Amino acid sequence: MADLQGYILLFLVWLVSFILVRAVLNRYRAASRLPPSPRSIPILGHLHLLAPIPHQALHKLADHFGPLIHLWLGSMPCIVVSSAEMAKEFLKTHEACFSNRPCSTAVDYLTYGSQDFSFAPYGPYWKFMKKLCMSELLGGRTLDLLLPFRREEIDRFLSSMLKKAEEGEEVDVGRELIKVTNHVISRMTMNTRCSDNDDEASEVRKMVQETAELTGKFNLSDYIWFCKNLDLQGFGKRLKEVRDRFDAMTDRIIKEHEEARKIRNEGRGSETARDLLDILLDISEDESSEMRLTGENIKAFLLDIFAAGTDTSAITTEWALAELINHPEVLEKARREIDTVVGNARLVQEADIPELPYLQAIVKETLRLHPTGPLILRESSKACTVAGYEIPAKTRLFVNVWAIGRDPKHWEEPLEFRPERFLRDNNEAQMDVRGQHFQMLPFGSGRRGCPGTSLALQVVQTSLACMVQCFEWRVTGKVDMEEGPGITLPRARPLVCVPVARLHPFPSF
């Protein structure tokens, strides 16, 4: 009996050793077919290398290991791309393998189980919503119809800044711009400013900021396998609070829309402009529609629009103004262009933007240096071979847009703010920001490129043009250009200025 127990024990030791050796060899063979990788540590993998700001840390790793790197973020395999050439390989040549976006615990919960558009898996529903976005929700015809909303909100902003100028008050530019974009999105989406009640409008902005924070924060359960079902950081309670508040707001607004639509259909109400929510409700009620939208689909899409559109446009405009203040010669050149094309008797309009190439170049240069989405995230849907390396299924892809925009292989003096590089007599003149040129990808590329690019450019370019035309922006010393942590490239410190009116008399709104 003792001999038998000894043989069994010996067999078990041999079996465990065999499994462990085989696992190590398999891991070694797999690693030999993967891109270069820094040294990792147990459990965390390479997570410790991403602090304090991930896109900057990944850029430093690329300088040492090359434009294609393999990392383990906890137990999650990842590929990091830091060059235009490699970005094209993954986002164009092998786009079919990387058409999904990774979905975190926070995103999945806030979007009612990924029933939104931004994080929905690539498939029939996503294709339907993409077509809907491009043709109806965010297409040119709809944006033209909703132009009065955008114009009115920019005029309100300028009026507020004029009042601050008369009183000599300091202004937190980013905070004020977020109010503008929040109201623009609210009115275009739901035909309401979330009420003119400052408390309610502030609550909406707070929800958007909390959503961005929760979806951008590192969550152990997303990366460490044995933490998957644990809420060690207390995210669950905060996620529930945010979604409950968003539910209450959208349920109320949807109910108001449905009542107003019923009154209009009965011929008892006045005609009002259709907003994006009206279009979504039409589709949800259309029995012949290719895809029937549920209430959760609609609410998740509204969350997408608010989260993606509120702070990104404001942050870009804030970075652009900061660069202009630090480069007074560029600011003066932009003012001369606006004064020549528009004059001083009226305010610049969206229709003027095509005649302001230098202003457009300023926005392009801002997006190159300060892309609001510094990292593009994708996930492989199946195993594939890219650039000679074998990429397993379910591997996360990070395309470092921030690093690509500063690559000296493609940009002369890449760290300098030089809008002139985008004017007609330069090589970069024909370069756009819509994902066709992989040296510059502020709005992504391919199937998963941002469908709101046109809206974002209209809001940013018109807001910036009005700010340049109407005011001097006085600061003490040079503006600090340090970045803060976050998924949308915020500034480390707010841009605080004193606006000074430069048009006398000031054009009427």
Protein backbone atom coordinates (compact mmCIF):
# COMPACT_ATOMS: atom_id res chain seq x y z
CA MET A 1 0.00 0.00 0.00
CA ALA A 2 2.83 2.39 0.87
CA ASP A 3 4.51 1.62 -2.48
CA LEU A 4 1.26 2.35 -4.31
CA GLN A 5 0.86 5.69 -2.56
CA GLY A 6 4.46 6.52 -3.41
CA TYR A 7 3.88 5.73 -7.11
CA ILE A 8 0.71 7.85 -7.14
CA LEU A 9 2.52 10.76 -5.50
CA LEU A 10 5.42 10.39 -7.94
CA PHE A 11 2.98 10.34 -10.89
CA LEU A 12 1.22 13.46 -9.63
CA VAL A 13 4.54 15.30 -9.22
CA TRP A 14 5.51 14.27 -12.75
CA LEU A 15 2.12 15.34 -14.15
CA VAL A 16 2.20 18.78 -12.49
CA SER A 17 5.82 19.30 -13.60
CA PHE A 18 4.93 18.29 -17.15
CA ILE A 19 2.00 20.74 -17.24
CA LEU A 20 4.09 23.57 -15.84
CA VAL A 21 7.00 22.96 -18.20
CA ARG A 22 4.64 22.72 -21.16
CA ALA A 23 2.91 25.98 -20.15
CA VAL A 24 6.26 27.75 -19.85
CA LEU A 25 7.41 26.41 -23.23
CA ASN A 26 4.11 27.40 -24.89
CA ARG A 27 4.38 30.87 -23.39
CA TYR A 28 7.98 31.09 -24.61
CA ARG A 29 7.05 29.92 -28.13
CA ALA A 30 4.13 32.36 -28.25
CA ALA A 31 6.35 35.18 -27.04
CA SER A 32 8.89 34.38 -29.76
CA ARG A 33 6.19 35.07 -32.36
CA LEU A 34 5.03 38.31 -30.74
CA PRO A 35 6.49 41.84 -31.05
CA PRO A 36 9.26 42.98 -28.67
CA SER A 37 8.30 43.35 -25.03
CA PRO A 38 9.82 45.00 -21.94
CA ARG A 39 10.48 42.92 -18.81
CA SER A 40 7.24 42.25 -16.92
CA ILE A 41 6.51 41.51 -13.27
CA PRO A 42 4.20 38.82 -11.85
CA ILE A 43 0.45 39.49 -11.77
CA LEU A 44 0.72 43.14 -12.90
CA GLY A 45 2.60 42.38 -16.12
CA HIS A 46 3.54 45.79 -17.53
CA LEU A 47 0.87 47.86 -15.79
CA HIS A 48 3.49 49.60 -13.68
CA LEU A 49 5.07 51.05 -16.85
CA LEU A 50 1.98 53.08 -17.82
CA ALA A 51 2.16 55.71 -15.07
CA PRO A 52 1.61 58.58 -14.73
CA ILE A 53 0.11 59.36 -18.19
CA PRO A 54 -0.30 56.28 -20.41
CA HIS A 55 0.22 57.78 -23.89
CA GLN A 56 3.39 59.55 -22.76
CA ALA A 57 4.70 56.41 -21.05
CA LEU A 58 3.97 54.29 -24.14
CA HIS A 59 5.77 56.84 -26.31
CA LYS A 60 8.92 56.43 -24.17
CA LEU A 61 8.67 52.63 -24.46
CA ALA A 62 8.38 52.94 -28.24
CA ASP A 63 11.58 55.01 -28.34
CA HIS A 64 13.36 52.05 -26.74
CA PHE A 65 11.57 48.98 -28.16
CA GLY A 66 10.28 50.24 -31.52
CA PRO A 67 6.91 51.18 -33.07
CA LEU A 68 5.30 47.80 -32.34
CA ILE A 69 5.34 46.45 -28.77
CA HIS A 70 3.66 43.58 -26.95
CA LEU A 71 2.55 44.18 -23.36
CA TRP A 72 0.71 42.30 -20.65
CA LEU A 73 -1.62 44.59 -18.72
CA GLY A 74 -2.29 42.24 -15.86
CA SER A 75 -3.57 39.12 -17.63
CA MET A 76 -4.66 41.08 -20.72
CA PRO A 77 -2.44 40.75 -23.85
CA CYS A 78 -1.96 44.05 -25.66
CA ILE A 79 -0.25 45.46 -28.75
CA VAL A 80 0.95 49.07 -28.85
CA VAL A 81 1.41 50.84 -32.19
CA SER A 82 3.40 54.09 -32.35
CA SER A 83 4.05 54.78 -36.04
CA ALA A 84 1.92 55.76 -39.05
CA GLU A 85 3.12 52.71 -40.99
CA MET A 86 2.12 50.25 -38.27
CA ALA A 87 -1.18 52.10 -37.69
CA LYS A 88 -2.03 51.59 -41.36
CA GLU A 89 -1.25 47.87 -41.06
CA PHE A 90 -3.65 47.40 -38.16
CA LEU A 91 -6.39 49.92 -38.98
CA LYS A 92 -6.54 49.47 -42.76
CA THR A 93 -4.77 46.36 -44.07
CA HIS A 94 -6.04 44.18 -41.20
CA GLU A 95 -9.07 46.26 -40.26
CA ALA A 96 -11.39 43.23 -40.43
CA CYS A 97 -9.55 41.69 -37.46
CA PHE A 98 -9.67 44.90 -35.41
CA SER A 99 -13.22 46.20 -35.88
CA ASN A 100 -14.27 45.66 -32.27
CA ARG A 101 -13.68 48.00 -29.36
CA PRO A 102 -12.74 46.51 -25.99
CA CYS A 103 -15.52 46.94 -23.48
CA SER A 104 -14.68 47.57 -19.83
CA THR A 105 -16.86 46.75 -16.85
CA ALA A 106 -17.79 50.42 -16.44
CA VAL A 107 -18.65 50.95 -20.11
CA ASP A 108 -20.71 47.76 -20.28
CA TYR A 109 -22.75 48.78 -17.23
CA LEU A 110 -23.29 52.42 -18.21
CA THR A 111 -24.37 51.46 -21.75
CA TYR A 112 -26.93 48.88 -20.57
CA GLY A 113 -24.83 45.91 -21.65
CA SER A 114 -23.08 47.60 -24.63
CA GLN A 115 -26.38 48.52 -26.29
CA ASP A 116 -24.89 51.81 -27.46
CA PHE A 117 -23.14 52.55 -30.75
CA SER A 118 -19.56 53.33 -29.75
CA PHE A 119 -18.86 50.02 -27.97
CA ALA A 120 -21.36 47.70 -29.63
CA PRO A 121 -19.71 44.64 -31.21
CA TYR A 122 -19.13 44.84 -34.95
CA GLY A 123 -22.21 43.27 -36.51
CA PRO A 124 -25.72 44.00 -37.89
CA TYR A 125 -26.76 46.39 -35.10
CA TRP A 126 -23.51 48.37 -35.26
CA LYS A 127 -23.72 48.57 -39.09
CA PHE A 128 -27.30 49.81 -38.88
CA MET A 129 -26.38 52.53 -36.36
CA LYS A 130 -23.33 53.57 -38.37
CA LYS A 131 -25.47 54.00 -41.48
CA LEU A 132 -28.05 55.88 -39.43
CA CYS A 133 -25.39 58.21 -37.99
CA MET A 134 -23.92 59.06 -41.37
CA SER A 135 -27.24 59.51 -43.19
CA GLU A 136 -29.57 60.91 -40.52
CA LEU A 137 -28.30 61.61 -37.03
CA LEU A 138 -24.96 63.29 -37.80
CA GLY A 139 -25.23 63.73 -41.56
CA GLY A 140 -24.81 67.06 -43.33
CA ARG A 141 -28.54 67.70 -43.80
CA THR A 142 -29.31 67.24 -40.09
CA LEU A 143 -26.33 69.37 -39.03
CA ASP A 144 -27.52 72.15 -41.35
CA LEU A 145 -31.04 72.02 -39.89
CA LEU A 146 -29.65 72.25 -36.36
CA LEU A 147 -27.28 75.13 -37.16
CA PRO A 148 -29.49 77.72 -35.36
CA PHE A 149 -29.01 75.84 -32.08
CA ARG A 150 -25.23 75.98 -32.42
CA ARG A 151 -25.27 79.65 -33.40
CA GLU A 152 -27.49 80.66 -30.50
CA GLU A 153 -25.30 78.88 -27.93
CA ILE A 154 -22.11 80.47 -29.27
CA ASP A 155 -23.83 83.88 -29.15
CA ARG A 156 -24.81 83.23 -25.52
CA PHE A 157 -21.19 82.36 -24.75
CA LEU A 158 -19.89 85.56 -26.40
CA SER A 159 -22.47 87.63 -24.54
CA SER A 160 -21.32 86.08 -21.26
CA MET A 161 -17.67 86.76 -22.12
CA LEU A 162 -18.52 90.38 -23.01
CA LYS A 163 -20.09 90.81 -19.58
CA LYS A 164 -16.96 89.36 -17.96
CA ALA A 165 -14.82 91.73 -20.05
CA GLU A 166 -16.82 94.77 -18.93
CA GLU A 167 -16.35 93.73 -15.31
CA GLY A 168 -12.67 92.76 -15.75
CA GLU A 169 -13.30 89.27 -14.37
CA GLU A 170 -11.10 86.22 -14.83
CA VAL A 171 -12.57 83.31 -16.78
CA ASP A 172 -11.86 79.59 -16.55
CA VAL A 173 -11.96 79.13 -20.33
CA GLY A 174 -12.29 75.33 -20.32
CA ARG A 175 -15.18 75.39 -17.86
CA GLU A 176 -17.07 77.98 -19.92
CA LEU A 177 -16.45 76.08 -23.18
CA ILE A 178 -17.75 72.85 -21.65
CA LYS A 179 -20.98 74.72 -20.82
CA VAL A 180 -21.26 75.78 -24.47
CA THR A 181 -20.67 72.33 -25.94
CA ASN A 182 -22.93 70.73 -23.33
CA HIS A 183 -25.79 73.03 -24.31
CA VAL A 184 -25.08 72.55 -28.04
CA ILE A 185 -25.23 68.76 -27.65
CA SER A 186 -28.31 68.97 -25.41
CA ARG A 187 -30.24 71.11 -27.84
CA MET A 188 -29.23 69.15 -30.93
CA THR A 189 -29.99 65.85 -29.22
CA MET A 190 -33.10 66.63 -27.18
CA ASN A 191 -34.12 70.21 -28.13
CA THR A 192 -33.49 71.35 -24.59
CA ARG A 193 -30.68 73.05 -22.70
CA CYS A 194 -31.31 70.55 -19.88
CA SER A 195 -33.41 73.48 -18.69
CA ASP A 196 -31.99 76.94 -18.20
CA ASN A 197 -31.77 76.06 -14.54
CA ASP A 198 -28.07 76.29 -13.71
CA ASP A 199 -28.36 73.53 -11.11
CA GLU A 200 -29.80 71.05 -13.64
CA ALA A 201 -27.36 72.02 -16.38
CA SER A 202 -24.53 71.65 -13.87
CA GLU A 203 -25.85 68.20 -12.94
CA VAL A 204 -25.69 67.08 -16.58
CA ARG A 205 -22.10 68.31 -16.92
CA LYS A 206 -21.23 66.54 -13.66
CA MET A 207 -22.71 63.28 -14.98
CA VAL A 208 -20.70 63.57 -18.19
CA GLN A 209 -17.49 64.24 -16.26
CA GLU A 210 -18.14 61.32 -13.89
CA THR A 211 -18.85 59.04 -16.85
CA ALA A 212 -15.54 60.03 -18.46
CA GLU A 213 -13.74 59.51 -15.15
CA LEU A 214 -15.27 56.09 -14.42
CA THR A 215 -14.75 54.75 -17.94
CA GLY A 216 -11.19 56.06 -18.05
CA LYS A 217 -10.02 54.91 -14.62
CA PHE A 218 -7.96 51.78 -14.17
CA ASN A 219 -10.20 48.99 -12.86
CA LEU A 220 -8.49 45.93 -11.40
CA SER A 221 -11.38 43.66 -12.45
CA ASP A 222 -10.74 44.45 -16.13
CA TYR A 223 -7.08 43.41 -16.07
CA ILE A 224 -6.37 41.01 -13.17
CA TRP A 225 -8.18 37.73 -13.85
CA PHE A 226 -8.77 36.70 -10.24
CA CYS A 227 -10.31 40.15 -9.52
CA LYS A 228 -12.86 39.81 -12.33
CA ASN A 229 -15.88 39.37 -10.06
CA LEU A 230 -14.63 41.57 -7.24
CA ASP A 231 -15.30 45.28 -6.77
CA LEU A 232 -12.17 46.08 -4.79
CA GLN A 233 -12.18 49.79 -5.75
CA GLY A 234 -15.84 50.47 -5.05
CA PHE A 235 -16.72 51.28 -8.66
CA GLY A 236 -20.04 49.42 -8.51
CA LYS A 237 -21.80 51.90 -6.22
CA ARG A 238 -20.61 54.95 -8.18
CA LEU A 239 -21.58 53.37 -11.51
CA LYS A 240 -25.07 52.64 -10.23
CA GLU A 241 -25.48 56.20 -8.94
CA VAL A 242 -24.43 57.74 -12.27
CA ARG A 243 -26.62 55.45 -14.36
CA ASP A 244 -29.63 55.95 -12.07
CA ARG A 245 -29.32 59.73 -12.42
CA PHE A 246 -28.89 59.47 -16.20
CA ASP A 247 -31.89 57.11 -16.36
CA ALA A 248 -34.06 59.59 -14.48
CA MET A 249 -33.08 62.48 -16.75
CA THR A 250 -33.48 60.62 -20.05
CA ASP A 251 -36.72 58.91 -18.98
CA ARG A 252 -38.20 62.33 -18.24
CA ILE A 253 -37.04 63.85 -21.52
CA ILE A 254 -38.15 60.86 -23.60
CA LYS A 255 -41.60 60.99 -21.95
CA GLU A 256 -41.85 64.73 -22.71
CA HIS A 257 -40.87 64.06 -26.34
CA GLU A 258 -43.43 61.30 -26.69
CA GLU A 259 -46.19 63.54 -25.30
CA ALA A 260 -45.19 66.41 -27.59
CA ARG A 261 -45.13 64.08 -30.60
CA LYS A 262 -48.61 62.80 -29.74
CA ILE A 263 -49.94 66.38 -29.57
CA ARG A 264 -48.29 67.25 -32.91
CA ASN A 265 -49.68 64.14 -34.57
CA GLU A 266 -53.16 65.16 -33.42
CA GLY A 267 -52.62 68.58 -35.00
CA ARG A 268 -52.87 70.44 -31.69
CA GLY A 269 -49.28 71.61 -31.37
CA SER A 270 -46.95 73.99 -33.19
CA GLU A 271 -44.25 72.64 -35.48
CA THR A 272 -40.79 72.47 -33.92
CA ALA A 273 -37.45 71.38 -35.37
CA ARG A 274 -36.84 67.62 -35.17
CA ASP A 275 -33.89 66.78 -32.97
CA LEU A 276 -31.84 63.58 -32.83
CA LEU A 277 -34.13 62.07 -30.20
CA ASP A 278 -37.12 62.59 -32.52
CA ILE A 279 -35.29 60.68 -35.25
CA LEU A 280 -34.46 57.82 -32.87
CA LEU A 281 -38.05 57.63 -31.62
CA ASP A 282 -39.31 57.57 -35.24
CA ILE A 283 -37.11 54.55 -35.93
CA SER A 284 -38.15 52.80 -32.71
CA GLU A 285 -41.81 53.14 -33.76
CA ASP A 286 -41.28 52.16 -37.41
CA GLU A 287 -42.33 48.52 -37.79
CA SER A 288 -40.71 48.35 -41.24
CA SER A 289 -37.34 49.54 -39.97
CA GLU A 290 -34.36 47.27 -40.64
CA MET A 291 -33.62 47.30 -36.91
CA ARG A 292 -36.04 48.17 -34.09
CA LEU A 293 -34.47 50.33 -31.40
CA THR A 294 -35.33 49.69 -27.76
CA GLY A 295 -35.53 52.31 -25.04
CA GLU A 296 -32.14 51.16 -23.74
CA ASN A 297 -30.62 51.48 -27.24
CA ILE A 298 -31.84 55.09 -27.37
CA LYS A 299 -30.59 55.99 -23.89
CA ALA A 300 -27.22 54.35 -24.52
CA PHE A 301 -26.85 56.30 -27.77
CA LEU A 302 -27.70 59.56 -25.99
CA LEU A 303 -24.98 58.76 -23.44
CA ASP A 304 -22.53 58.22 -26.34
CA ILE A 305 -23.34 61.64 -27.79
CA PHE A 306 -23.04 63.44 -24.45
CA ALA A 307 -19.85 61.66 -23.37
CA ALA A 308 -18.10 61.94 -26.74
CA GLY A 309 -19.22 65.44 -27.66
CA THR A 310 -19.28 67.53 -24.51
CA ASP A 311 -15.70 67.81 -23.27
CA THR A 312 -13.74 66.77 -26.38
CA SER A 313 -14.65 69.85 -28.45
CA ALA A 314 -14.19 72.12 -25.43
CA ILE A 315 -10.75 70.66 -24.65
CA THR A 316 -9.57 71.09 -28.25
CA THR A 317 -10.70 74.73 -28.31
CA GLU A 318 -9.00 75.36 -24.95
CA TRP A 319 -5.71 73.85 -26.18
CA ALA A 320 -5.93 75.93 -29.39
CA LEU A 321 -6.43 79.18 -27.47
CA ALA A 322 -3.56 78.29 -25.12
CA GLU A 323 -1.25 77.76 -28.11
CA LEU A 324 -2.36 81.06 -29.67
CA ILE A 325 -1.66 82.98 -26.46
CA ASN A 326 1.83 81.46 -26.36
CA HIS A 327 2.35 82.29 -30.06
CA PRO A 328 1.14 85.90 -30.45
CA GLU A 329 2.40 86.09 -34.04
CA VAL A 330 0.11 83.20 -35.00
CA LEU A 331 -2.80 84.80 -33.14
CA GLU A 332 -2.24 88.11 -34.94
CA LYS A 333 -2.12 86.39 -38.32
CA ALA A 334 -5.41 84.61 -37.56
CA ARG A 335 -7.02 87.91 -36.56
CA ARG A 336 -5.89 89.61 -39.76
CA GLU A 337 -7.42 86.78 -41.80
CA ILE A 338 -10.75 87.04 -39.96
CA ASP A 339 -10.80 90.84 -40.16
CA THR A 340 -10.12 90.68 -43.91
CA VAL A 341 -12.77 88.04 -44.68
CA VAL A 342 -15.46 88.93 -42.11
CA GLY A 343 -14.69 92.48 -40.99
CA ASN A 344 -15.66 94.07 -37.69
CA ALA A 345 -19.33 94.78 -38.30
CA ARG A 346 -20.60 91.23 -37.83
CA LEU A 347 -19.67 88.05 -36.02
CA VAL A 348 -17.92 85.22 -37.84
CA GLN A 349 -20.31 82.42 -38.89
CA GLU A 350 -19.93 78.72 -39.73
CA ALA A 351 -20.37 79.64 -43.41
CA ASP A 352 -17.19 81.77 -43.22
CA ILE A 353 -14.92 78.91 -42.14
CA PRO A 354 -14.10 77.63 -45.69
CA GLU A 355 -12.72 81.11 -46.43
CA LEU A 356 -10.42 81.01 -43.38
CA PRO A 357 -7.65 78.52 -44.30
CA TYR A 358 -5.23 79.77 -41.64
CA LEU A 359 -7.80 79.24 -38.90
CA GLN A 360 -8.41 75.71 -40.21
CA ALA A 361 -4.65 75.13 -40.15
CA ILE A 362 -4.53 76.26 -36.50
CA VAL A 363 -7.18 73.68 -35.58
CA LYS A 364 -5.34 70.94 -37.50
CA GLU A 365 -2.08 71.78 -35.76
CA THR A 366 -3.86 71.73 -32.40
CA LEU A 367 -5.31 68.29 -33.15
CA ARG A 368 -1.86 67.04 -34.19
CA LEU A 369 -0.20 68.09 -30.94
CA HIS A 370 -3.18 67.70 -28.61
CA PRO A 371 -5.52 64.97 -29.95
CA THR A 372 -8.49 64.67 -27.60
CA GLY A 373 -8.33 60.89 -28.01
CA PRO A 374 -4.58 60.24 -27.57
CA LEU A 375 -5.05 56.45 -27.77
CA ILE A 376 -7.23 54.53 -30.24
CA LEU A 377 -8.48 51.29 -28.68
CA ARG A 378 -9.45 48.17 -30.61
CA GLU A 379 -9.60 44.43 -29.93
CA SER A 380 -8.79 41.54 -32.25
CA SER A 381 -11.84 39.40 -33.05
CA LYS A 382 -9.66 36.51 -34.27
CA ALA A 383 -6.02 35.47 -34.51
CA CYS A 384 -4.12 37.14 -37.34
CA THR A 385 -0.60 37.78 -38.61
CA VAL A 386 0.52 41.41 -38.86
CA ALA A 387 4.00 42.54 -39.94
CA GLY A 388 5.20 38.95 -39.50
CA TYR A 389 3.97 38.68 -35.91
CA GLU A 390 1.16 36.39 -34.74
CA ILE A 391 -1.50 38.35 -32.86
CA PRO A 392 -3.89 36.14 -30.81
CA ALA A 393 -7.65 36.70 -30.67
CA LYS A 394 -8.89 38.98 -27.88
CA THR A 395 -5.68 41.03 -27.92
CA ARG A 396 -6.17 44.70 -27.17
CA LEU A 397 -4.71 47.20 -29.61
CA PHE A 398 -3.54 50.66 -28.55
CA VAL A 399 -2.68 53.05 -31.39
CA ASN A 400 -0.75 55.96 -29.87
CA VAL A 401 -2.16 58.88 -31.86
CA TRP A 402 -0.31 61.35 -29.63
CA ALA A 403 3.07 59.75 -30.44
CA ILE A 404 2.32 59.44 -34.17
CA GLY A 405 1.52 63.17 -34.36
CA ARG A 406 4.99 63.93 -32.95
CA ASP A 407 6.99 61.48 -35.07
CA PRO A 408 10.05 63.29 -36.57
CA LYS A 409 9.95 60.83 -39.52
CA HIS A 410 6.79 62.56 -40.75
CA TRP A 411 6.83 66.00 -39.16
CA GLU A 412 9.49 68.68 -39.43
CA GLU A 413 10.15 70.20 -35.99
CA PRO A 414 7.35 68.01 -34.58
CA LEU A 415 7.17 69.67 -31.14
CA GLU A 416 6.74 73.17 -32.57
CA PHE A 417 3.30 74.75 -33.03
CA ARG A 418 3.42 75.71 -36.72
CA PRO A 419 0.01 75.97 -38.47
CA GLU A 420 1.81 77.02 -41.66
CA ARG A 421 2.70 73.37 -42.26
CA PHE A 422 -0.93 72.81 -43.33
CA LEU A 423 -1.15 75.63 -45.86
CA ARG A 424 -1.22 74.99 -49.60
CA ASP A 425 2.46 75.44 -50.35
CA ASN A 426 3.51 72.71 -47.88
CA ASN A 427 3.65 68.91 -48.18
CA GLU A 428 1.11 68.48 -45.39
CA ALA A 429 -1.41 70.82 -47.08
CA GLN A 430 -3.65 68.05 -48.40
CA MET A 431 -3.61 66.16 -45.12
CA ASP A 432 -7.02 65.88 -43.50
CA VAL A 433 -8.07 64.73 -40.02
CA ARG A 434 -10.69 62.17 -41.07
CA GLY A 435 -8.52 59.06 -40.92
CA GLN A 436 -7.19 58.88 -44.48
CA HIS A 437 -3.69 60.03 -43.53
CA PHE A 438 -2.17 57.81 -40.87
CA GLN A 439 0.38 60.40 -39.75
CA MET A 440 -2.57 62.18 -38.09
CA LEU A 441 -5.54 60.33 -36.60
CA PRO A 442 -7.32 62.59 -34.07
CA PHE A 443 -10.73 61.10 -34.98
CA GLY A 444 -9.60 57.53 -35.59
CA SER A 445 -9.80 55.73 -38.92
CA GLY A 446 -11.85 53.21 -40.85
CA ARG A 447 -15.10 51.63 -39.74
CA ARG A 448 -14.70 52.74 -36.14
CA GLY A 449 -13.68 56.30 -36.98
CA CYS A 450 -15.64 59.02 -35.16
CA PRO A 451 -18.97 59.69 -36.93
CA GLY A 452 -19.17 63.11 -35.27
CA THR A 453 -16.06 64.56 -36.94
CA SER A 454 -17.99 67.13 -38.99
CA LEU A 455 -19.92 68.37 -35.96
CA ALA A 456 -16.76 68.57 -33.83
CA LEU A 457 -14.91 70.59 -36.47
CA GLN A 458 -17.85 72.97 -36.93
CA VAL A 459 -18.12 73.65 -33.20
CA VAL A 460 -14.36 73.99 -32.60
CA GLN A 461 -13.57 76.12 -35.64
CA THR A 462 -16.50 78.50 -35.18
CA SER A 463 -16.00 78.86 -31.41
CA LEU A 464 -12.29 79.55 -31.82
CA ALA A 465 -12.86 82.00 -34.68
CA CYS A 466 -15.35 83.99 -32.57
CA MET A 467 -12.99 84.04 -29.59
CA VAL A 468 -10.12 85.28 -31.76
CA GLN A 469 -12.29 87.87 -33.51
CA CYS A 470 -14.02 89.31 -30.45
CA PHE A 471 -11.52 89.32 -27.58
CA GLU A 472 -7.98 89.67 -26.40
CA TRP A 473 -7.19 86.97 -23.84
CA ARG A 474 -4.85 88.28 -21.16
CA VAL A 475 -2.81 86.04 -18.88
CA THR A 476 0.09 86.54 -16.53
CA GLY A 477 3.25 85.18 -18.14
CA LYS A 478 3.33 82.18 -20.44
CA VAL A 479 0.56 79.58 -20.46
CA ASP A 480 1.57 76.23 -18.96
CA MET A 481 1.11 73.45 -21.56
CA GLU A 482 1.39 70.45 -19.23
CA GLU A 483 -1.09 67.62 -19.80
CA GLY A 484 -3.22 66.02 -17.12
CA PRO A 485 -4.30 62.37 -16.78
CA GLY A 486 -7.47 61.26 -18.55
CA ILE A 487 -8.78 59.60 -21.70
CA THR A 488 -9.53 62.93 -23.42
CA LEU A 489 -6.19 64.76 -22.92
CA PRO A 490 -7.23 67.45 -20.41
CA ARG A 491 -4.88 70.22 -19.36
CA ALA A 492 -3.06 69.74 -16.05
CA ARG A 493 -4.14 73.22 -14.96
CA PRO A 494 -7.11 75.26 -16.22
CA LEU A 495 -6.56 78.07 -18.70
CA VAL A 496 -7.60 81.20 -16.79
CA CYS A 497 -7.77 84.48 -18.75
CA VAL A 498 -9.24 87.95 -18.57
CA PRO A 499 -11.20 88.63 -21.79
CA VAL A 500 -10.87 92.13 -23.24
CA ALA A 501 -13.30 93.19 -25.98
CA ARG A 502 -11.47 94.28 -29.15
CA LEU A 503 -14.49 95.30 -31.26
CA HIS A 504 -16.01 98.74 -30.63
CA PRO A 505 -18.94 98.82 -31.01
CA PHE A 506 -19.46 95.12 -30.38
CA PRO A 507 -21.57 93.51 -33.15
CA SER A 508 -25.12 92.66 -32.12
CA PHE A 509 -25.97 89.03 -31.43
